[in-house]
Structure formats: C-alpha cells, structure tokens
C-alpha atoms as a PDB file:
ATOM      1  CA  UNK A   1      -9.745  98.413  35.573  1.00  0.00           C
ATOM      2  CA  UNK A   2      -9.498 102.387  34.703  1.00  0.00           C
ATOM      3  CA  UNK A   3     -12.439 104.243  35.085  1.00  0.00           C
ATOM      4  CA  UNK A   4     -13.527 107.980  33.162  1.00  0.00           C
ATOM      5  CA  UNK A   5     -15.597 109.790  34.078  1.00  0.00           C
ATOM      6  CA  UNK A   6     -16.986 113.748  34.702  1.00  0.00           C
ATOM      7  CA  UNK A   7     -14.706 114.948  37.617  1.00  0.00           C
ATOM      8  CA  UNK A   8     -17.276 114.970  40.745  1.00  0.00           C
ATOM      9  CA  UNK A   9     -16.906 116.710  43.996  1.00  0.00           C
ATOM     10  CA  UNK A  10     -16.417 113.482  45.807  1.00  0.00           C
ATOM     11  CA  UNK A  11     -13.101 112.952  44.049  1.00  0.00           C
ATOM     12  CA  UNK A  12     -10.297 113.443  45.706  1.00  0.00           C
ATOM     13  CA  UNK A  13      -8.339 116.465  44.326  1.00  0.00           C
ATOM     14  CA  UNK A  14      -6.004 116.984  46.738  1.00  0.00           C
ATOM     15  CA  UNK A  15      -4.813 113.662  46.912  1.00  0.00           C
ATOM     16  CA  UNK A  16      -3.108 114.030  43.006  1.00  0.00           C
ATOM     17  CA  UNK A  17       0.277 114.845  42.376  1.00  0.00           C
ATOM     18  CA  UNK A  18       1.284 115.753  38.429  1.00  0.00           C
ATOM     19  CA  UNK A  19       4.823 116.714  40.125  1.00  0.00           C
ATOM     20  CA  UNK A  20       3.839 120.152  39.157  1.00  0.00           C
ATOM     21  CA  UNK A  21       2.040 122.670  41.313  1.00  0.00           C
ATOM     22  CA  UNK A  22       0.387 124.649  38.413  1.00  0.00           C
ATOM     23  CA  UNK A  23      -1.540 121.494  37.317  1.00  0.00           C
ATOM     24  CA  UNK A  24      -1.757 120.396  41.279  1.00  0.00           C
ATOM     25  CA  UNK A  25      -3.504 123.340  42.215  1.00  0.00           C
ATOM     26  CA  UNK A  26      -5.899 123.891  39.086  1.00  0.00           C
ATOM     27  CA  UNK A  27      -7.336 120.533  39.245  1.00  0.00           C
ATOM     28  CA  UNK A  28      -7.916 121.495  43.420  1.00  0.00           C
ATOM     29  CA  UNK A  29      -9.044 125.483  43.170  1.00  0.00           C
ATOM     30  CA  UNK A  30      -9.950 125.914  39.337  1.00  0.00           C
ATOM     31  CA  UNK A  31     -11.818 122.805  37.829  1.00  0.00           C
ATOM     32  CA  UNK A  32     -14.775 122.408  40.454  1.00  0.00           C
ATOM     33  CA  UNK A  33     -15.271 126.290  39.404  1.00  0.00           C
ATOM     34  CA  UNK A  34     -14.694 126.093  35.661  1.00  0.00           C
ATOM     35  CA  UNK A  35     -17.495 123.653  35.778  1.00  0.00           C
ATOM     36  CA  UNK A  36     -19.793 125.210  37.651  1.00  0.00           C
ATOM     37  CA  UNK A  37     -19.549 128.526  35.253  1.00  0.00           C
ATOM     38  CA  UNK A  38     -19.372 126.141  32.020  1.00  0.00           C
ATOM     39  CA  UNK A  39     -16.103 127.208  31.421  1.00  0.00           C
ATOM     40  CA  UNK A  40     -14.405 123.817  30.490  1.00  0.00           C
ATOM     41  CA  UNK A  41     -15.191 120.155  31.608  1.00  0.00           C
ATOM     42  CA  UNK A  42     -12.771 118.153  33.462  1.00  0.00           C
ATOM     43  CA  UNK A  43     -12.521 114.553  33.174  1.00  0.00           C
ATOM     44  CA  UNK A  44     -10.227 111.964  35.787  1.00  0.00           C
ATOM     45  CA  UNK A  45      -9.190 108.436  35.514  1.00  0.00           C
ATOM     46  CA  UNK A  46      -9.879 106.609  38.418  1.00  0.00           C
ATOM     47  CA  UNK A  47      -9.102 103.112  39.369  1.00  0.00           C
ATOM     48  CA  UNK A  48     -12.621 101.192  39.320  1.00  0.00           C
ATOM     49  CA  UNK A  49     -11.306  98.032  41.050  1.00  0.00           C
ATOM     50  CA  UNK A  50      -9.940  99.589  44.115  1.00  0.00           C
ATOM     51  CA  UNK A  51     -11.657 100.562  47.481  1.00  0.00           C
ATOM     52  CA  UNK A  52     -14.741 102.566  47.501  1.00  0.00           C
ATOM     53  CA  UNK A  53     -12.449 105.484  49.414  1.00  0.00           C
ATOM     54  CA  UNK A  54      -9.634 104.512  46.455  1.00  0.00           C
ATOM     55  CA  UNK A  55     -12.183 104.645  43.803  1.00  0.00           C
ATOM     56  CA  UNK A  56     -12.578 108.721  44.183  1.00  0.00           C
ATOM     57  CA  UNK A  57      -8.721 108.800  44.140  1.00  0.00           C
ATOM     58  CA  UNK A  58      -7.882 110.741  40.685  1.00  0.00           C
ATOM     59  CA  UNK A  59      -5.233 108.700  38.529  1.00  0.00           C
ATOM     60  CA  UNK A  60      -5.503 111.635  35.381  1.00  0.00           C
ATOM     61  CA  UNK A  61      -7.436 113.959  34.162  1.00  0.00           C
ATOM     62  CA  UNK A  62      -7.874 116.275  31.241  1.00  0.00           C
ATOM     63  CA  UNK A  63      -9.955 119.971  30.611  1.00  0.00           C
ATOM     64  CA  UNK A  64     -12.251 120.305  27.621  1.00  0.00           C
ATOM     65  CA  UNK A  65     -13.269 123.994  26.408  1.00  0.00           C
ATOM     66  CA  UNK A  66     -14.508 125.226  23.429  1.00  0.00           C
ATOM     67  CA  UNK A  67     -12.241 127.827  21.599  1.00  0.00           C
ATOM     68  CA  UNK A  68     -11.757 129.427  18.196  1.00  0.00           C
ATOM     69  CA  UNK A  69      -8.994 129.665  16.143  1.00  0.00           C
ATOM     70  CA  UNK A  70      -7.669 131.814  13.552  1.00  0.00           C
ATOM     71  CA  UNK A  71      -6.396 130.585  10.411  1.00  0.00           C
ATOM     72  CA  UNK A  72      -3.053 131.969  10.645  1.00  0.00           C
ATOM     73  CA  UNK A  73      -2.767 130.376  13.843  1.00  0.00           C
ATOM     74  CA  UNK A  74      -2.815 126.503  12.329  1.00  0.00           C
ATOM     75  CA  UNK A  75      -0.599 124.073  10.494  1.00  0.00           C
ATOM     76  CA  UNK A  76       0.272 125.484   7.201  1.00  0.00           C
ATOM     77  CA  UNK A  77      -0.853 122.028   5.675  1.00  0.00           C
ATOM     78  CA  UNK A  78      -4.024 122.862   7.130  1.00  0.00           C
ATOM     79  CA  UNK A  79      -5.244 126.516   7.347  1.00  0.00           C
ATOM     80  CA  UNK A  80      -5.889 126.759   3.725  1.00  0.00           C
ATOM     81  CA  UNK A  81      -8.900 124.504   3.890  1.00  0.00           C
ATOM     82  CA  UNK A  82     -10.451 126.977   6.366  1.00  0.00           C
ATOM     83  CA  UNK A  83     -11.935 130.670   7.048  1.00  0.00           C
ATOM     84  CA  UNK A  84     -10.364 133.224   8.618  1.00  0.00           C
ATOM     85  CA  UNK A  85     -11.672 131.773  12.227  1.00  0.00           C
ATOM     86  CA  UNK A  86     -12.813 128.381  13.248  1.00  0.00           C
ATOM     87  CA  UNK A  87     -14.415 126.452  15.746  1.00  0.00           C
ATOM     88  CA  UNK A  88     -12.281 124.533  17.855  1.00  0.00           C
ATOM     89  CA  UNK A  89     -11.565 122.343  20.996  1.00  0.00           C
ATOM     90  CA  UNK A  90      -9.316 123.058  23.211  1.00  0.00           C
ATOM     91  CA  UNK A  91      -7.699 119.915  25.508  1.00  0.00           C
ATOM     92  CA  UNK A  92      -5.900 121.761  28.550  1.00  0.00           C
ATOM     93  CA  UNK A  93      -4.482 120.944  31.669  1.00  0.00           C
ATOM     94  CA  UNK A  94      -3.810 116.975  30.853  1.00  0.00           C
ATOM     95  CA  UNK A  95      -1.931 115.384  33.565  1.00  0.00           C
ATOM     96  CA  UNK A  96      -0.640 111.742  34.856  1.00  0.00           C
ATOM     97  CA  UNK A  97      -0.069 111.147  38.902  1.00  0.00           C
ATOM     98  CA  UNK A  98       3.757 111.043  39.056  1.00  0.00           C
ATOM     99  CA  UNK A  99       4.027 107.605  39.903  1.00  0.00           C
ATOM    100  CA  UNK A 100       1.858 106.480  36.696  1.00  0.00           C
ATOM    101  CA  UNK A 101       3.258 108.447  34.061  1.00  0.00           C
ATOM    102  CA  UNK A 102       4.493 106.418  30.833  1.00  0.00           C
ATOM    103  CA  UNK A 103       2.769 103.284  31.590  1.00  0.00           C
ATOM    104  CA  UNK A 104      -0.046 104.551  28.748  1.00  0.00           C
ATOM    105  CA  UNK A 105      -2.912 106.340  30.940  1.00  0.00           C
ATOM    106  CA  UNK A 106      -2.169 109.900  28.836  1.00  0.00           C
ATOM    107  CA  UNK A 107      -2.377 107.361  25.996  1.00  0.00           C
ATOM    108  CA  UNK A 108      -6.187 106.326  27.497  1.00  0.00           C
ATOM    109  CA  UNK A 109      -6.984 109.847  28.550  1.00  0.00           C
ATOM    110  CA  UNK A 110      -6.393 111.670  24.961  1.00  0.00           C
ATOM    111  CA  UNK A 111      -7.892 108.524  23.054  1.00  0.00           C
ATOM    112  CA  UNK A 112     -11.360 109.779  24.976  1.00  0.00           C
ATOM    113  CA  UNK A 113     -10.792 113.544  24.785  1.00  0.00           C
ATOM    114  CA  UNK A 114     -10.825 112.740  21.101  1.00  0.00           C
ATOM    115  CA  UNK A 115     -13.751 110.845  21.090  1.00  0.00           C
ATOM    116  CA  UNK A 116     -15.817 113.190  23.610  1.00  0.00           C
ATOM    117  CA  UNK A 117     -14.337 116.211  20.746  1.00  0.00           C
ATOM    118  CA  UNK A 118     -15.973 114.087  17.769  1.00  0.00           C
ATOM    119  CA  UNK A 119     -19.177 113.026  19.401  1.00  0.00           C
ATOM    120  CA  UNK A 120     -19.664 117.142  21.049  1.00  0.00           C
ATOM    121  CA  UNK A 121     -18.487 118.394  17.268  1.00  0.00           C
ATOM    122  CA  UNK A 122     -21.485 116.147  16.032  1.00  0.00           C
ATOM    123  CA  UNK A 123     -24.075 118.824  17.942  1.00  0.00           C
ATOM    124  CA  UNK A 124     -22.303 121.908  17.402  1.00  0.00           C
ATOM    125  CA  UNK A 125     -19.435 121.983  15.011  1.00  0.00           C
ATOM    126  CA  UNK A 126     -15.520 121.605  15.897  1.00  0.00           C
ATOM    127  CA  UNK A 127     -12.726 121.095  13.421  1.00  0.00           C
ATOM    128  CA  UNK A 128     -10.837 120.061  15.410  1.00  0.00           C
ATOM    129  CA  UNK A 129      -8.396 119.769  18.674  1.00  0.00           C
ATOM    130  CA  UNK A 130      -6.195 121.959  20.248  1.00  0.00           C
ATOM    131  CA  UNK A 131      -3.772 122.494  22.433  1.00  0.00           C
ATOM    132  CA  UNK A 132      -0.713 124.170  23.901  1.00  0.00           C
ATOM    133  CA  UNK A 133       2.273 121.216  24.690  1.00  0.00           C
ATOM    134  CA  UNK A 134       4.312 122.659  28.198  1.00  0.00           C
ATOM    135  CA  UNK A 135       7.681 121.381  26.682  1.00  0.00           C
ATOM    136  CA  UNK A 136       9.279 119.342  23.339  1.00  0.00           C
ATOM    137  CA  UNK A 137       8.682 116.199  25.336  1.00  0.00           C
ATOM    138  CA  UNK A 138       4.694 116.585  25.411  1.00  0.00           C
ATOM    139  CA  UNK A 139       4.703 118.360  21.655  1.00  0.00           C
ATOM    140  CA  UNK A 140       6.119 114.915  20.666  1.00  0.00           C
ATOM    141  CA  UNK A 141       3.893 112.957  22.738  1.00  0.00           C
ATOM    142  CA  UNK A 142       0.902 114.993  20.837  1.00  0.00           C
ATOM    143  CA  UNK A 143       2.773 114.423  17.380  1.00  0.00           C
ATOM    144  CA  UNK A 144       2.552 110.790  17.506  1.00  0.00           C
ATOM    145  CA  UNK A 145      -1.181 110.994  17.986  1.00  0.00           C
ATOM    146  CA  UNK A 146      -1.622 113.054  15.043  1.00  0.00           C
ATOM    147  CA  UNK A 147      -1.396 116.763  16.425  1.00  0.00           C
ATOM    148  CA  UNK A 148       0.256 119.278  14.054  1.00  0.00           C
ATOM    149  CA  UNK A 149       2.444 122.408  15.331  1.00  0.00           C
ATOM    150  CA  UNK A 150       1.009 125.117  14.356  1.00  0.00           C
ATOM    151  CA  UNK A 151       2.685 127.681  11.821  1.00  0.00           C
ATOM    152  CA  UNK A 152       4.254 130.317  14.180  1.00  0.00           C
ATOM    153  CA  UNK A 153       4.067 128.564  17.031  1.00  0.00           C
ATOM    154  CA  UNK A 154       5.474 125.019  17.365  1.00  0.00           C
ATOM    155  CA  UNK A 155       3.551 124.331  21.341  1.00  0.00           C
ATOM    156  CA  UNK A 156       0.565 125.094  19.655  1.00  0.00           C
ATOM    157  CA  UNK A 157      -0.549 121.755  18.148  1.00  0.00           C
ATOM    158  CA  UNK A 158      -3.629 121.096  16.109  1.00  0.00           C
ATOM    159  CA  UNK A 159      -5.835 117.482  15.283  1.00  0.00           C
ATOM    160  CA  UNK A 160      -8.165 117.934  12.242  1.00  0.00           C
ATOM    161  CA  UNK A 161     -11.406 115.439  13.268  1.00  0.00           C
ATOM    162  CA  UNK A 162     -12.790 115.691   9.389  1.00  0.00           C
END
C-alpha cells in the first residue's frame, strides 16, 4: 500500500532516483530547506507495507507553493474570468522513481496535489493549479487530467479548481 505524507527528516532522500540529477539534487539539497523557510511543502509517496527501513524510501514526490498568475499568462478560455492578477497554487517537481514510472503513481500524486490545493483554497484562496511541464510528454500527462496550456507558453499549464 502507498502512503502519502509530508516530507520529513527520516525519509531517505538520497536513495531516490528519478533519472534526472536536477530533480534528485533538489529533493536531497533543497526540499527540506524550503519547508523550513515556508517556501514550499513537499509530499512523498512511500511503501507502507515494507520493512521499517524501506517505509522511509521515497517512491515519488511533489511540491506545492503559493504563487500568482497574470491574466495574460492564462489559457485564453479562462483568462476572461479573472482580474489582472490571481492567486494560484504552483505544483512543482512532481517526480516518480525511475523504476516505477508509468505505473499510475504519477496519477496518484497529482490527484493528491489537486485535493490539497482545493482544501487550501478554501482557507486562503486560489483560482487553480499551475505547473511548468518539462517536455511534450509531461505536458500531455497534465492535459490528460484537465490542465490547459497557457496562451504564451504551452509548457505552462493551468487547471481551474472552481
């Protein structure tokens, strides 16, 4: 069984391998610092059915942060509904361990991120979820779950939550 929880000091960050040094290094060097400073919150997927040691092994992760978007950066279909600048939640660095990719864990993490975004928006306000896809494959993944490419930058995607 997969368990989703906030990143903590006991999670084995160094054992995670997405296949990209950039994302691996961010998890190892930056994620905990950003949490301590209130910049973002990272959530990890772990295997709840494994030994105690393996339960702290990260299978995948994502980070959320508050941000704002300008109306002209939004997809044209949605921009007309909003003022010039709107609060959004930014989804950053969603990554799955390389040996587990394309098995549904990304969908689970994305769903969790959307639920957390909606819950937070009830308390502080957020018009939607923004993400910067790294390539065509990532952009297609997000579009399959309701994200819209933004007008000027097709790898920047927006999902309205209201």
